């Protein structure tokens, strides 16, 4: 199947027009993206950009996103999410790709109750699409039409971005759908929030599409079960361009609604890796250590084969206090590739990508 069939070549004349339209000038004035969603003053969502929530199965990602939508409908605060949408952009489009219409209705009712709005009749500011029965290609086309033809649209939630592609590990499909998110948000000056599962073995978002989300999203929220109490879900910023926020937690109350845990205390992390836990290149090595080590390694030469890379990384990470066994080195290189901190050229050589989002 041709996943890229909607890509069209453009003429030289069209390319020149787009080139001229894309030029910036120091004498020009460019508006800052309006901030519409925050957590305790930390901005996690602006118009013209997109964000994501990730988490393992049963971590209550949809409950968390329901709180975001409720805050947007209320134009106020729900859990720790504070929304402030402009008057002309108060409409929210919620797209569910996984659940049946019956279960989608439950989500709608939950959102309305959390927003303090009637749950027995439709609200003019919420449109909900149940797209489970369609193909990825059909879902993309449906969502695109809804985005471009819904008046006063300010926010879109795509619960199940994985179902917008056929192959979650396809670089071509992943690039295409992320490009669609960037196009839709820029053209319509809206904010899109997506949901994606995590890998079972680590904290990375699943597949190549997860890598692209990490690289391009303005914020990525991590929703995970509390280690000591599975009834509690914790929300933290896995990646955020703005100031980080203090993690918060919620549980599901007797009304089947997420309820903020006001007295929740996050675990104090001891320096280094917790005893008994497996090596994790994300948790156990700071962004600064990664950046210093990578810049040191790639200051010697621009690209490496795998064996050369392994040797260079082993030496450079030792300089920042991270000794690496052969097993740890393999895990490190996998993480660096997944997060596109290093990229592989022509399936052989590796080069450093300094503009990474950790």
C-alpha atoms as a PDB file:
ATOM      1  CA  UNK A   1       0.000   0.000   0.000  1.00  0.00           C
ATOM      2  CA  UNK A   2       1.250   3.492  -0.876  1.00  0.00           C
ATOM      3  CA  UNK A   3       1.227   5.324   2.444  1.00  0.00           C
ATOM      4  CA  UNK A   4       2.595   8.522   0.868  1.00  0.00           C
ATOM      5  CA  UNK A   5       0.091   8.733  -1.980  1.00  0.00           C
ATOM      6  CA  UNK A   6      -1.142  12.209  -1.068  1.00  0.00           C
ATOM      7  CA  UNK A   7       2.327  13.732  -1.437  1.00  0.00           C
ATOM      8  CA  UNK A   8       2.556  15.810  -4.598  1.00  0.00           C
ATOM      9  CA  UNK A   9       5.552  17.329  -6.314  1.00  0.00           C
ATOM     10  CA  UNK A  10       5.436  21.114  -6.537  1.00  0.00           C
ATOM     11  CA  UNK A  11       6.621  23.129  -9.488  1.00  0.00           C
ATOM     12  CA  UNK A  12       9.669  25.394  -9.415  1.00  0.00           C
ATOM     13  CA  UNK A  13       7.349  28.408  -9.538  1.00  0.00           C
ATOM     14  CA  UNK A  14       5.373  27.163  -6.526  1.00  0.00           C
ATOM     15  CA  UNK A  15       8.592  26.461  -4.652  1.00  0.00           C
ATOM     16  CA  UNK A  16       9.809  30.025  -5.281  1.00  0.00           C
ATOM     17  CA  UNK A  17       6.521  31.451  -3.970  1.00  0.00           C
ATOM     18  CA  UNK A  18       6.754  29.289  -0.823  1.00  0.00           C
ATOM     19  CA  UNK A  19      10.412  30.198  -0.389  1.00  0.00           C
ATOM     20  CA  UNK A  20       9.639  33.920  -0.462  1.00  0.00           C
ATOM     21  CA  UNK A  21       6.637  33.510   1.844  1.00  0.00           C
ATOM     22  CA  UNK A  22       8.786  31.618   4.382  1.00  0.00           C
ATOM     23  CA  UNK A  23      11.525  34.254   4.730  1.00  0.00           C
ATOM     24  CA  UNK A  24      11.816  35.987   8.096  1.00  0.00           C
ATOM     25  CA  UNK A  25      13.079  39.505   8.655  1.00  0.00           C
ATOM     26  CA  UNK A  26      14.651  41.083  11.723  1.00  0.00           C
ATOM     27  CA  UNK A  27      12.518  44.154  11.043  1.00  0.00           C
ATOM     28  CA  UNK A  28       9.327  42.094  11.001  1.00  0.00           C
ATOM     29  CA  UNK A  29       6.975  41.536  13.932  1.00  0.00           C
ATOM     30  CA  UNK A  30       5.873  38.001  14.696  1.00  0.00           C
ATOM     31  CA  UNK A  31       3.257  37.232  17.308  1.00  0.00           C
ATOM     32  CA  UNK A  32       4.090  34.939  20.184  1.00  0.00           C
ATOM     33  CA  UNK A  33       1.950  31.790  20.216  1.00  0.00           C
ATOM     34  CA  UNK A  34      -1.025  32.352  22.570  1.00  0.00           C
ATOM     35  CA  UNK A  35      -0.777  30.214  25.707  1.00  0.00           C
ATOM     36  CA  UNK A  36      -3.968  28.253  26.343  1.00  0.00           C
ATOM     37  CA  UNK A  37      -3.038  25.395  28.688  1.00  0.00           C
ATOM     38  CA  UNK A  38      -0.810  25.326  31.749  1.00  0.00           C
ATOM     39  CA  UNK A  39      -0.038  23.478  34.971  1.00  0.00           C
ATOM     40  CA  UNK A  40       0.744  25.724  37.950  1.00  0.00           C
ATOM     41  CA  UNK A  41       2.006  28.468  35.652  1.00  0.00           C
ATOM     42  CA  UNK A  42       4.052  26.135  33.453  1.00  0.00           C
ATOM     43  CA  UNK A  43       2.819  26.323  29.846  1.00  0.00           C
ATOM     44  CA  UNK A  44       2.125  22.940  28.248  1.00  0.00           C
ATOM     45  CA  UNK A  45      -0.042  24.023  25.306  1.00  0.00           C
ATOM     46  CA  UNK A  46      -0.091  26.959  22.870  1.00  0.00           C
ATOM     47  CA  UNK A  47      -2.068  27.683  19.722  1.00  0.00           C
ATOM     48  CA  UNK A  48      -0.177  26.590  16.619  1.00  0.00           C
ATOM     49  CA  UNK A  49       1.546  23.675  18.379  1.00  0.00           C
ATOM     50  CA  UNK A  50       0.833  20.162  19.585  1.00  0.00           C
ATOM     51  CA  UNK A  51       1.521  18.117  22.703  1.00  0.00           C
ATOM     52  CA  UNK A  52       1.140  14.512  23.830  1.00  0.00           C
ATOM     53  CA  UNK A  53       0.342  12.258  26.768  1.00  0.00           C
ATOM     54  CA  UNK A  54       2.094   8.907  26.996  1.00  0.00           C
ATOM     55  CA  UNK A  55       1.803   6.057  29.477  1.00  0.00           C
ATOM     56  CA  UNK A  56       1.551   2.318  29.768  1.00  0.00           C
ATOM     57  CA  UNK A  57      -1.746   0.438  29.468  1.00  0.00           C
ATOM     58  CA  UNK A  58      -4.218   1.087  32.332  1.00  0.00           C
ATOM     59  CA  UNK A  59      -2.299   4.140  33.566  1.00  0.00           C
ATOM     60  CA  UNK A  60      -5.505   6.198  33.112  1.00  0.00           C
ATOM     61  CA  UNK A  61      -4.266   8.332  30.220  1.00  0.00           C
ATOM     62  CA  UNK A  62      -7.817   8.913  28.949  1.00  0.00           C
ATOM     63  CA  UNK A  63      -8.995  10.035  32.410  1.00  0.00           C
ATOM     64  CA  UNK A  64      -6.107  12.508  32.484  1.00  0.00           C
ATOM     65  CA  UNK A  65      -6.917  13.872  29.030  1.00  0.00           C
ATOM     66  CA  UNK A  66     -10.585  14.109  30.017  1.00  0.00           C
ATOM     67  CA  UNK A  67      -9.454  16.596  32.660  1.00  0.00           C
ATOM     68  CA  UNK A  68      -7.618  18.644  30.010  1.00  0.00           C
ATOM     69  CA  UNK A  69     -10.740  18.762  27.816  1.00  0.00           C
ATOM     70  CA  UNK A  70     -12.969  19.615  30.790  1.00  0.00           C
ATOM     71  CA  UNK A  71     -10.649  22.512  31.679  1.00  0.00           C
ATOM     72  CA  UNK A  72     -10.893  23.753  28.077  1.00  0.00           C
ATOM     73  CA  UNK A  73     -14.707  23.564  28.071  1.00  0.00           C
ATOM     74  CA  UNK A  74     -14.870  25.270  31.432  1.00  0.00           C
ATOM     75  CA  UNK A  75     -12.108  27.714  30.472  1.00  0.00           C
ATOM     76  CA  UNK A  76     -10.900  27.266  33.997  1.00  0.00           C
ATOM     77  CA  UNK A  77      -9.052  24.750  36.163  1.00  0.00           C
ATOM     78  CA  UNK A  78      -9.629  20.989  36.454  1.00  0.00           C
ATOM     79  CA  UNK A  79      -7.168  18.889  38.468  1.00  0.00           C
ATOM     80  CA  UNK A  80      -4.033  21.003  37.896  1.00  0.00           C
ATOM     81  CA  UNK A  81      -4.845  21.951  34.298  1.00  0.00           C
ATOM     82  CA  UNK A  82      -5.701  25.621  33.734  1.00  0.00           C
ATOM     83  CA  UNK A  83      -7.185  26.512  30.320  1.00  0.00           C
ATOM     84  CA  UNK A  84      -7.616  29.948  28.790  1.00  0.00           C
ATOM     85  CA  UNK A  85      -8.950  29.737  25.242  1.00  0.00           C
ATOM     86  CA  UNK A  86      -9.765  32.903  23.281  1.00  0.00           C
ATOM     87  CA  UNK A  87     -13.467  33.613  22.876  1.00  0.00           C
ATOM     88  CA  UNK A  88     -13.327  32.861  19.138  1.00  0.00           C
ATOM     89  CA  UNK A  89     -11.611  29.501  19.755  1.00  0.00           C
ATOM     90  CA  UNK A  90     -13.710  27.826  22.441  1.00  0.00           C
ATOM     91  CA  UNK A  91     -14.654  24.691  20.493  1.00  0.00           C
ATOM     92  CA  UNK A  92     -12.989  21.345  21.299  1.00  0.00           C
ATOM     93  CA  UNK A  93     -12.868  18.400  18.894  1.00  0.00           C
ATOM     94  CA  UNK A  94     -12.287  15.011  20.583  1.00  0.00           C
ATOM     95  CA  UNK A  95     -11.285  12.130  18.290  1.00  0.00           C
ATOM     96  CA  UNK A  96     -11.324   8.562  19.648  1.00  0.00           C
ATOM     97  CA  UNK A  97      -9.830   5.856  17.429  1.00  0.00           C
ATOM     98  CA  UNK A  98     -10.031   2.861  19.785  1.00  0.00           C
ATOM     99  CA  UNK A  99     -13.308   2.629  21.691  1.00  0.00           C
ATOM    100  CA  UNK A 100     -16.861   1.744  20.736  1.00  0.00           C
ATOM    101  CA  UNK A 101     -19.534   4.486  20.559  1.00  0.00           C
ATOM    102  CA  UNK A 102     -20.906   3.261  23.908  1.00  0.00           C
ATOM    103  CA  UNK A 103     -17.566   3.724  25.672  1.00  0.00           C
ATOM    104  CA  UNK A 104     -16.981   7.036  23.873  1.00  0.00           C
ATOM    105  CA  UNK A 105     -20.304   8.248  25.282  1.00  0.00           C
ATOM    106  CA  UNK A 106     -19.050   7.412  28.782  1.00  0.00           C
ATOM    107  CA  UNK A 107     -15.989   9.581  28.141  1.00  0.00           C
ATOM    108  CA  UNK A 108     -18.191  12.441  26.905  1.00  0.00           C
ATOM    109  CA  UNK A 109     -20.394  12.276  29.987  1.00  0.00           C
ATOM    110  CA  UNK A 110     -17.342  12.181  32.265  1.00  0.00           C
ATOM    111  CA  UNK A 111     -15.883  15.287  30.586  1.00  0.00           C
ATOM    112  CA  UNK A 112     -19.138  17.206  30.987  1.00  0.00           C
ATOM    113  CA  UNK A 113     -19.421  16.301  34.686  1.00  0.00           C
ATOM    114  CA  UNK A 114     -15.818  17.336  35.309  1.00  0.00           C
ATOM    115  CA  UNK A 115     -16.486  20.667  33.593  1.00  0.00           C
ATOM    116  CA  UNK A 116     -19.629  21.198  35.698  1.00  0.00           C
ATOM    117  CA  UNK A 117     -21.853  21.113  32.611  1.00  0.00           C
ATOM    118  CA  UNK A 118     -25.067  19.133  31.919  1.00  0.00           C
ATOM    119  CA  UNK A 119     -24.266  15.582  30.789  1.00  0.00           C
ATOM    120  CA  UNK A 120     -27.709  14.792  29.331  1.00  0.00           C
ATOM    121  CA  UNK A 121     -27.520  17.051  26.272  1.00  0.00           C
ATOM    122  CA  UNK A 122     -24.985  18.127  23.652  1.00  0.00           C
ATOM    123  CA  UNK A 123     -22.755  21.137  24.245  1.00  0.00           C
ATOM    124  CA  UNK A 124     -22.010  23.539  21.412  1.00  0.00           C
ATOM    125  CA  UNK A 125     -18.322  23.655  22.354  1.00  0.00           C
ATOM    126  CA  UNK A 126     -17.652  19.905  22.220  1.00  0.00           C
ATOM    127  CA  UNK A 127     -17.678  17.677  19.166  1.00  0.00           C
ATOM    128  CA  UNK A 128     -16.827  14.000  19.676  1.00  0.00           C
ATOM    129  CA  UNK A 129     -15.869  11.595  16.864  1.00  0.00           C
ATOM    130  CA  UNK A 130     -15.787   7.789  17.266  1.00  0.00           C
ATOM    131  CA  UNK A 131     -13.553   6.490  14.465  1.00  0.00           C
ATOM    132  CA  UNK A 132     -12.840   2.929  15.548  1.00  0.00           C
ATOM    133  CA  UNK A 133     -14.349   1.272  12.455  1.00  0.00           C
ATOM    134  CA  UNK A 134     -12.332   3.236   9.891  1.00  0.00           C
ATOM    135  CA  UNK A 135      -8.912   2.679   8.327  1.00  0.00           C
ATOM    136  CA  UNK A 136      -5.939   4.903   9.214  1.00  0.00           C
ATOM    137  CA  UNK A 137      -6.212   6.662   5.854  1.00  0.00           C
ATOM    138  CA  UNK A 138      -9.939   7.298   6.347  1.00  0.00           C
ATOM    139  CA  UNK A 139      -9.335   8.581   9.890  1.00  0.00           C
ATOM    140  CA  UNK A 140      -6.792  11.108   8.637  1.00  0.00           C
ATOM    141  CA  UNK A 141      -9.175  12.381   5.975  1.00  0.00           C
ATOM    142  CA  UNK A 142     -12.119  12.600   8.402  1.00  0.00           C
ATOM    143  CA  UNK A 143     -10.098  14.449  11.029  1.00  0.00           C
ATOM    144  CA  UNK A 144      -8.668  16.824   8.438  1.00  0.00           C
ATOM    145  CA  UNK A 145     -12.123  17.721   7.147  1.00  0.00           C
ATOM    146  CA  UNK A 146     -13.389  18.253  10.702  1.00  0.00           C
ATOM    147  CA  UNK A 147     -10.432  20.487  11.565  1.00  0.00           C
ATOM    148  CA  UNK A 148     -10.783  22.696   8.500  1.00  0.00           C
ATOM    149  CA  UNK A 149     -14.575  22.971   8.600  1.00  0.00           C
ATOM    150  CA  UNK A 150     -15.340  23.374  12.323  1.00  0.00           C
ATOM    151  CA  UNK A 151     -15.927  27.036  13.250  1.00  0.00           C
ATOM    152  CA  UNK A 152     -14.314  28.488  16.390  1.00  0.00           C
ATOM    153  CA  UNK A 153     -12.041  25.451  16.841  1.00  0.00           C
ATOM    154  CA  UNK A 154      -9.365  25.921  19.488  1.00  0.00           C
ATOM    155  CA  UNK A 155      -8.305  22.452  20.646  1.00  0.00           C
ATOM    156  CA  UNK A 156      -8.249  18.945  19.181  1.00  0.00           C
ATOM    157  CA  UNK A 157      -7.625  15.722  21.120  1.00  0.00           C
ATOM    158  CA  UNK A 158      -6.616  12.595  19.203  1.00  0.00           C
ATOM    159  CA  UNK A 159      -7.010   9.666  21.584  1.00  0.00           C
ATOM    160  CA  UNK A 160      -5.020   7.029  19.738  1.00  0.00           C
ATOM    161  CA  UNK A 161      -2.562   8.666  17.324  1.00  0.00           C
ATOM    162  CA  UNK A 162      -1.167   5.174  16.739  1.00  0.00           C
ATOM    163  CA  UNK A 163      -4.342   4.336  14.806  1.00  0.00           C
ATOM    164  CA  UNK A 164      -3.645   7.103  12.303  1.00  0.00           C
ATOM    165  CA  UNK A 165      -0.858   4.959  10.793  1.00  0.00           C
ATOM    166  CA  UNK A 166      -0.696   1.395   9.524  1.00  0.00           C
ATOM    167  CA  UNK A 167       2.831   0.687  10.778  1.00  0.00           C
ATOM    168  CA  UNK A 168       3.927   2.350  14.011  1.00  0.00           C
ATOM    169  CA  UNK A 169       7.588   1.799  13.100  1.00  0.00           C
ATOM    170  CA  UNK A 170       7.375   3.225   9.584  1.00  0.00           C
ATOM    171  CA  UNK A 171       9.556   6.352   9.272  1.00  0.00           C
ATOM    172  CA  UNK A 172       7.549   7.488   6.238  1.00  0.00           C
ATOM    173  CA  UNK A 173       4.146   7.136   7.889  1.00  0.00           C
ATOM    174  CA  UNK A 174       5.376   8.662  11.144  1.00  0.00           C
ATOM    175  CA  UNK A 175       6.852  11.676   9.379  1.00  0.00           C
ATOM    176  CA  UNK A 176       3.655  12.071   7.385  1.00  0.00           C
ATOM    177  CA  UNK A 177       1.263  12.133  10.377  1.00  0.00           C
ATOM    178  CA  UNK A 178       3.536  14.396  12.452  1.00  0.00           C
ATOM    179  CA  UNK A 179       3.763  16.727   9.443  1.00  0.00           C
ATOM    180  CA  UNK A 180      -0.044  16.692   9.328  1.00  0.00           C
ATOM    181  CA  UNK A 181      -0.186  17.739  13.001  1.00  0.00           C
ATOM    182  CA  UNK A 182       2.203  20.615  12.307  1.00  0.00           C
ATOM    183  CA  UNK A 183       0.260  21.657   9.213  1.00  0.00           C
ATOM    184  CA  UNK A 184      -3.153  21.510  10.911  1.00  0.00           C
ATOM    185  CA  UNK A 185      -2.020  23.414  14.003  1.00  0.00           C
ATOM    186  CA  UNK A 186      -0.286  26.105  11.955  1.00  0.00           C
ATOM    187  CA  UNK A 187      -3.011  26.539   9.324  1.00  0.00           C
ATOM    188  CA  UNK A 188      -5.879  26.693  11.830  1.00  0.00           C
ATOM    189  CA  UNK A 189      -3.919  28.132  14.786  1.00  0.00           C
ATOM    190  CA  UNK A 190      -5.224  25.443  17.115  1.00  0.00           C
ATOM    191  CA  UNK A 191      -3.655  23.162  19.705  1.00  0.00           C
ATOM    192  CA  UNK A 192      -3.667  19.375  19.228  1.00  0.00           C
ATOM    193  CA  UNK A 193      -3.105  16.956  22.102  1.00  0.00           C
ATOM    194  CA  UNK A 194      -2.416  13.313  21.245  1.00  0.00           C
ATOM    195  CA  UNK A 195      -2.267  10.096  23.267  1.00  0.00           C
ATOM    196  CA  UNK A 196       0.201   7.249  22.709  1.00  0.00           C
ATOM    197  CA  UNK A 197       1.234   4.119  24.621  1.00  0.00           C
ATOM    198  CA  UNK A 198       4.710   3.641  26.050  1.00  0.00           C
ATOM    199  CA  UNK A 199       7.007   0.746  25.284  1.00  0.00           C
ATOM    200  CA  UNK A 200       6.656  -2.104  27.785  1.00  0.00           C
ATOM    201  CA  UNK A 201      10.360  -2.242  28.563  1.00  0.00           C
ATOM    202  CA  UNK A 202      11.191   1.461  28.980  1.00  0.00           C
ATOM    203  CA  UNK A 203       9.704   4.961  29.217  1.00  0.00           C
ATOM    204  CA  UNK A 204       9.928   5.774  25.514  1.00  0.00           C
ATOM    205  CA  UNK A 205       6.788   6.388  23.490  1.00  0.00           C
ATOM    206  CA  UNK A 206       6.043   3.456  21.188  1.00  0.00           C
ATOM    207  CA  UNK A 207       7.556   3.097  17.747  1.00  0.00           C
ATOM    208  CA  UNK A 208       9.006   5.580  15.299  1.00  0.00           C
ATOM    209  CA  UNK A 209       5.932   7.749  15.696  1.00  0.00           C
ATOM    210  CA  UNK A 210       6.783   8.049  19.407  1.00  0.00           C
ATOM    211  CA  UNK A 211      10.283   9.219  18.526  1.00  0.00           C
ATOM    212  CA  UNK A 212       8.865  11.841  16.178  1.00  0.00           C
ATOM    213  CA  UNK A 213       6.394  13.011  18.852  1.00  0.00           C
ATOM    214  CA  UNK A 214       9.212  13.422  21.369  1.00  0.00           C
ATOM    215  CA  UNK A 215      11.204  15.448  18.853  1.00  0.00           C
ATOM    216  CA  UNK A 216       8.432  17.749  17.643  1.00  0.00           C
ATOM    217  CA  UNK A 217       5.873  18.149  20.478  1.00  0.00           C
ATOM    218  CA  UNK A 218       6.115  21.238  22.674  1.00  0.00           C
ATOM    219  CA  UNK A 219       5.353  19.093  25.722  1.00  0.00           C
ATOM    220  CA  UNK A 220       5.025  15.385  26.480  1.00  0.00           C
ATOM    221  CA  UNK A 221       3.182  14.396  29.661  1.00  0.00           C
ATOM    222  CA  UNK A 222       3.928  11.072  31.340  1.00  0.00           C
ATOM    223  CA  UNK A 223       0.993   9.345  33.065  1.00  0.00           C
ATOM    224  CA  UNK A 224       2.012   6.403  35.243  1.00  0.00           C
ATOM    225  CA  UNK A 225       0.704   4.368  38.158  1.00  0.00           C
ATOM    226  CA  UNK A 226       2.132   5.135  41.567  1.00  0.00           C
ATOM    227  CA  UNK A 227       4.561   2.345  42.481  1.00  0.00           C
ATOM    228  CA  UNK A 228       3.163   1.943  45.992  1.00  0.00           C
ATOM    229  CA  UNK A 229      -0.534   2.364  45.173  1.00  0.00           C
ATOM    230  CA  UNK A 230      -1.913   1.213  41.821  1.00  0.00           C
ATOM    231  CA  UNK A 231      -5.125   3.204  42.356  1.00  0.00           C
ATOM    232  CA  UNK A 232      -3.187   6.449  42.056  1.00  0.00           C
ATOM    233  CA  UNK A 233      -1.888   7.874  38.768  1.00  0.00           C
ATOM    234  CA  UNK A 234       0.952  10.399  38.672  1.00  0.00           C
ATOM    235  CA  UNK A 235       1.380  13.050  35.962  1.00  0.00           C
ATOM    236  CA  UNK A 236       4.777  14.583  35.219  1.00  0.00           C
ATOM    237  CA  UNK A 237       6.493  16.370  32.360  1.00  0.00           C
ATOM    238  CA  UNK A 238       8.645  13.942  30.395  1.00  0.00           C
ATOM    239  CA  UNK A 239       9.584  16.710  27.973  1.00  0.00           C
ATOM    240  CA  UNK A 240       8.543  20.353  28.103  1.00  0.00           C
ATOM    241  CA  UNK A 241       9.874  23.443  26.347  1.00  0.00           C
ATOM    242  CA  UNK A 242       8.665  25.762  29.108  1.00  0.00           C
ATOM    243  CA  UNK A 243       9.473  25.648  32.820  1.00  0.00           C
ATOM    244  CA  UNK A 244       8.977  22.194  34.342  1.00  0.00           C
ATOM    245  CA  UNK A 245       6.106  21.656  36.799  1.00  0.00           C
ATOM    246  CA  UNK A 246       5.884  19.704  40.028  1.00  0.00           C
ATOM    247  CA  UNK A 247       4.314  16.274  39.383  1.00  0.00           C
ATOM    248  CA  UNK A 248       0.781  15.796  40.644  1.00  0.00           C
ATOM    249  CA  UNK A 249      -1.442  12.768  41.144  1.00  0.00           C
ATOM    250  CA  UNK A 250      -5.085  11.787  40.949  1.00  0.00           C
ATOM    251  CA  UNK A 251      -7.300   8.840  41.768  1.00  0.00           C
ATOM    252  CA  UNK A 252     -10.732   7.808  40.526  1.00  0.00           C
ATOM    253  CA  UNK A 253     -13.412   8.648  43.105  1.00  0.00           C
ATOM    254  CA  UNK A 254     -16.776   7.000  43.826  1.00  0.00           C
ATOM    255  CA  UNK A 255     -18.376   9.035  41.002  1.00  0.00           C
ATOM    256  CA  UNK A 256     -15.897   7.504  38.525  1.00  0.00           C
ATOM    257  CA  UNK A 257     -14.198  10.891  38.067  1.00  0.00           C
ATOM    258  CA  UNK A 258     -10.490  11.738  38.473  1.00  0.00           C
ATOM    259  CA  UNK A 259      -9.889  13.489  41.785  1.00  0.00           C
ATOM    260  CA  UNK A 260      -6.754  15.461  42.677  1.00  0.00           C
ATOM    261  CA  UNK A 261      -4.575  14.041  45.479  1.00  0.00           C
ATOM    262  CA  UNK A 262      -3.860  17.283  47.295  1.00  0.00           C
ATOM    263  CA  UNK A 263      -1.416  15.774  49.798  1.00  0.00           C
ATOM    264  CA  UNK A 264       0.420  13.561  47.326  1.00  0.00           C
ATOM    265  CA  UNK A 265       4.181  13.504  47.831  1.00  0.00           C
ATOM    266  CA  UNK A 266       6.487  12.459  45.020  1.00  0.00           C
ATOM    267  CA  UNK A 267       9.273  10.101  46.002  1.00  0.00           C
ATOM    268  CA  UNK A 268      12.554  11.819  46.716  1.00  0.00           C
ATOM    269  CA  UNK A 269      15.115  10.424  44.303  1.00  0.00           C
ATOM    270  CA  UNK A 270      18.448   9.443  45.763  1.00  0.00           C
ATOM    271  CA  UNK A 271      21.508  10.389  43.721  1.00  0.00           C
ATOM    272  CA  UNK A 272      22.425   7.851  41.076  1.00  0.00           C
ATOM    273  CA  UNK A 273      20.532   4.732  40.105  1.00  0.00           C
ATOM    274  CA  UNK A 274      18.235   3.061  42.674  1.00  0.00           C
ATOM    275  CA  UNK A 275      19.769  -0.158  43.943  1.00  0.00           C
ATOM    276  CA  UNK A 276      18.504  -3.257  42.211  1.00  0.00           C
ATOM    277  CA  UNK A 277      16.994  -1.450  39.200  1.00  0.00           C
ATOM    278  CA  UNK A 278      18.177  -2.021  35.652  1.00  0.00           C
ATOM    279  CA  UNK A 279      20.297   0.572  33.920  1.00  0.00           C
ATOM    280  CA  UNK A 280      18.174   3.258  32.280  1.00  0.00           C
ATOM    281  CA  UNK A 281      20.006   5.697  30.025  1.00  0.00           C
ATOM    282  CA  UNK A 282      17.162   8.227  30.403  1.00  0.00           C
ATOM    283  CA  UNK A 283      16.919   8.165  34.201  1.00  0.00           C
ATOM    284  CA  UNK A 284      20.511   7.470  35.137  1.00  0.00           C
ATOM    285  CA  UNK A 285      22.211  10.027  32.892  1.00  0.00           C
ATOM    286  CA  UNK A 286      21.262  13.699  32.903  1.00  0.00           C
ATOM    287  CA  UNK A 287      20.683  15.734  29.759  1.00  0.00           C
ATOM    288  CA  UNK A 288      23.800  17.779  30.521  1.00  0.00           C
ATOM    289  CA  UNK A 289      25.934  14.635  30.821  1.00  0.00           C
ATOM    290  CA  UNK A 290      24.538  13.340  27.516  1.00  0.00           C
ATOM    291  CA  UNK A 291      25.202  16.612  25.736  1.00  0.00           C
ATOM    292  CA  UNK A 292      28.763  17.026  27.051  1.00  0.00           C
ATOM    293  CA  UNK A 293      29.664  13.415  26.262  1.00  0.00           C
ATOM    294  CA  UNK A 294      28.166  13.517  22.757  1.00  0.00           C
ATOM    295  CA  UNK A 295      29.791  16.833  21.894  1.00  0.00           C
ATOM    296  CA  UNK A 296      33.141  15.475  23.106  1.00  0.00           C
ATOM    297  CA  UNK A 297      32.797  12.284  21.075  1.00  0.00           C
ATOM    298  CA  UNK A 298      31.744  14.033  17.876  1.00  0.00           C
ATOM    299  CA  UNK A 299      34.315  16.799  18.199  1.00  0.00           C
ATOM    300  CA  UNK A 300      36.882  14.247  17.046  1.00  0.00           C
ATOM    301  CA  UNK A 301      35.028  13.368  13.835  1.00  0.00           C
ATOM    302  CA  UNK A 302      31.631  14.064  12.297  1.00  0.00           C
ATOM    303  CA  UNK A 303      30.422  10.478  11.876  1.00  0.00           C
ATOM    304  CA  UNK A 304      31.208   6.969  13.066  1.00  0.00           C
ATOM    305  CA  UNK A 305      30.570   3.374  12.164  1.00  0.00           C
ATOM    306  CA  UNK A 306      29.045   1.316  14.981  1.00  0.00           C
ATOM    307  CA  UNK A 307      32.315  -0.071  16.384  1.00  0.00           C
ATOM    308  CA  UNK A 308      34.021   3.321  16.251  1.00  0.00           C
ATOM    309  CA  UNK A 309      30.956   4.934  17.861  1.00  0.00           C
ATOM    310  CA  UNK A 310      30.936   2.413  20.696  1.00  0.00           C
ATOM    311  CA  UNK A 311      34.577   3.101  21.493  1.00  0.00           C
ATOM    312  CA  UNK A 312      34.162   6.891  21.311  1.00  0.00           C
ATOM    313  CA  UNK A 313      31.038   6.888  23.520  1.00  0.00           C
ATOM    314  CA  UNK A 314      32.616   4.618  26.104  1.00  0.00           C
ATOM    315  CA  UNK A 315      35.497   7.067  26.468  1.00  0.00           C
ATOM    316  CA  UNK A 316      33.423  10.283  26.390  1.00  0.00           C
ATOM    317  CA  UNK A 317      30.783   9.086  28.885  1.00  0.00           C
ATOM    318  CA  UNK A 318      33.529   7.965  31.270  1.00  0.00           C
ATOM    319  CA  UNK A 319      34.744  11.578  31.253  1.00  0.00           C
ATOM    320  CA  UNK A 320      31.358  12.738  32.648  1.00  0.00           C
ATOM    321  CA  UNK A 321      31.308  10.073  35.349  1.00  0.00           C
ATOM    322  CA  UNK A 322      29.303   7.381  33.547  1.00  0.00           C
ATOM    323  CA  UNK A 323      31.253   4.134  33.186  1.00  0.00           C
ATOM    324  CA  UNK A 324      29.667   1.837  30.605  1.00  0.00           C
ATOM    325  CA  UNK A 325      29.823  -1.922  30.339  1.00  0.00           C
ATOM    326  CA  UNK A 326      29.229  -3.471  26.928  1.00  0.00           C
ATOM    327  CA  UNK A 327      25.583  -4.218  27.819  1.00  0.00           C
ATOM    328  CA  UNK A 328      24.980  -0.690  29.069  1.00  0.00           C
ATOM    329  CA  UNK A 329      26.613   0.713  25.949  1.00  0.00           C
ATOM    330  CA  UNK A 330      24.186  -1.186  23.700  1.00  0.00           C
ATOM    331  CA  UNK A 331      21.221   0.158  25.714  1.00  0.00           C
ATOM    332  CA  UNK A 332      22.657   3.678  25.603  1.00  0.00           C
ATOM    333  CA  UNK A 333      23.049   3.659  21.815  1.00  0.00           C
ATOM    334  CA  UNK A 334      19.460   2.392  21.445  1.00  0.00           C
ATOM    335  CA  UNK A 335      18.163   5.303  23.548  1.00  0.00           C
ATOM    336  CA  UNK A 336      20.293   7.836  21.694  1.00  0.00           C
ATOM    337  CA  UNK A 337      18.878   6.581  18.384  1.00  0.00           C
ATOM    338  CA  UNK A 338      15.258   6.467  19.644  1.00  0.00           C
ATOM    339  CA  UNK A 339      15.470  10.031  20.894  1.00  0.00           C
ATOM    340  CA  UNK A 340      17.311  11.075  17.720  1.00  0.00           C
ATOM    341  CA  UNK A 341      20.236  12.400  19.720  1.00  0.00           C
ATOM    342  CA  UNK A 342      22.289  10.497  17.178  1.00  0.00           C
ATOM    343  CA  UNK A 343      21.011   9.634  13.708  1.00  0.00           C
ATOM    344  CA  UNK A 344      22.129   6.904  11.362  1.00  0.00           C
ATOM    345  CA  UNK A 345      22.959   7.998   7.832  1.00  0.00           C
ATOM    346  CA  UNK A 346      22.487   5.584   4.949  1.00  0.00           C
ATOM    347  CA  UNK A 347      21.953   2.701   7.374  1.00  0.00           C
ATOM    348  CA  UNK A 348      25.632   2.752   8.312  1.00  0.00           C
ATOM    349  CA  UNK A 349      27.211   5.912   9.711  1.00  0.00           C
ATOM    350  CA  UNK A 350      26.098   7.727  12.870  1.00  0.00           C
ATOM    351  CA  UNK A 351      26.200  11.488  13.390  1.00  0.00           C
ATOM    352  CA  UNK A 352      25.282  13.762  16.304  1.00  0.00           C
ATOM    353  CA  UNK A 353      22.015  15.749  16.224  1.00  0.00           C
ATOM    354  CA  UNK A 354      22.602  18.655  18.675  1.00  0.00           C
ATOM    355  CA  UNK A 355      19.062  20.054  18.333  1.00  0.00           C
ATOM    356  CA  UNK A 356      17.473  17.217  20.299  1.00  0.00           C
ATOM    357  CA  UNK A 357      14.643  17.438  22.865  1.00  0.00           C
ATOM    358  CA  UNK A 358      15.498  15.274  25.870  1.00  0.00           C
END
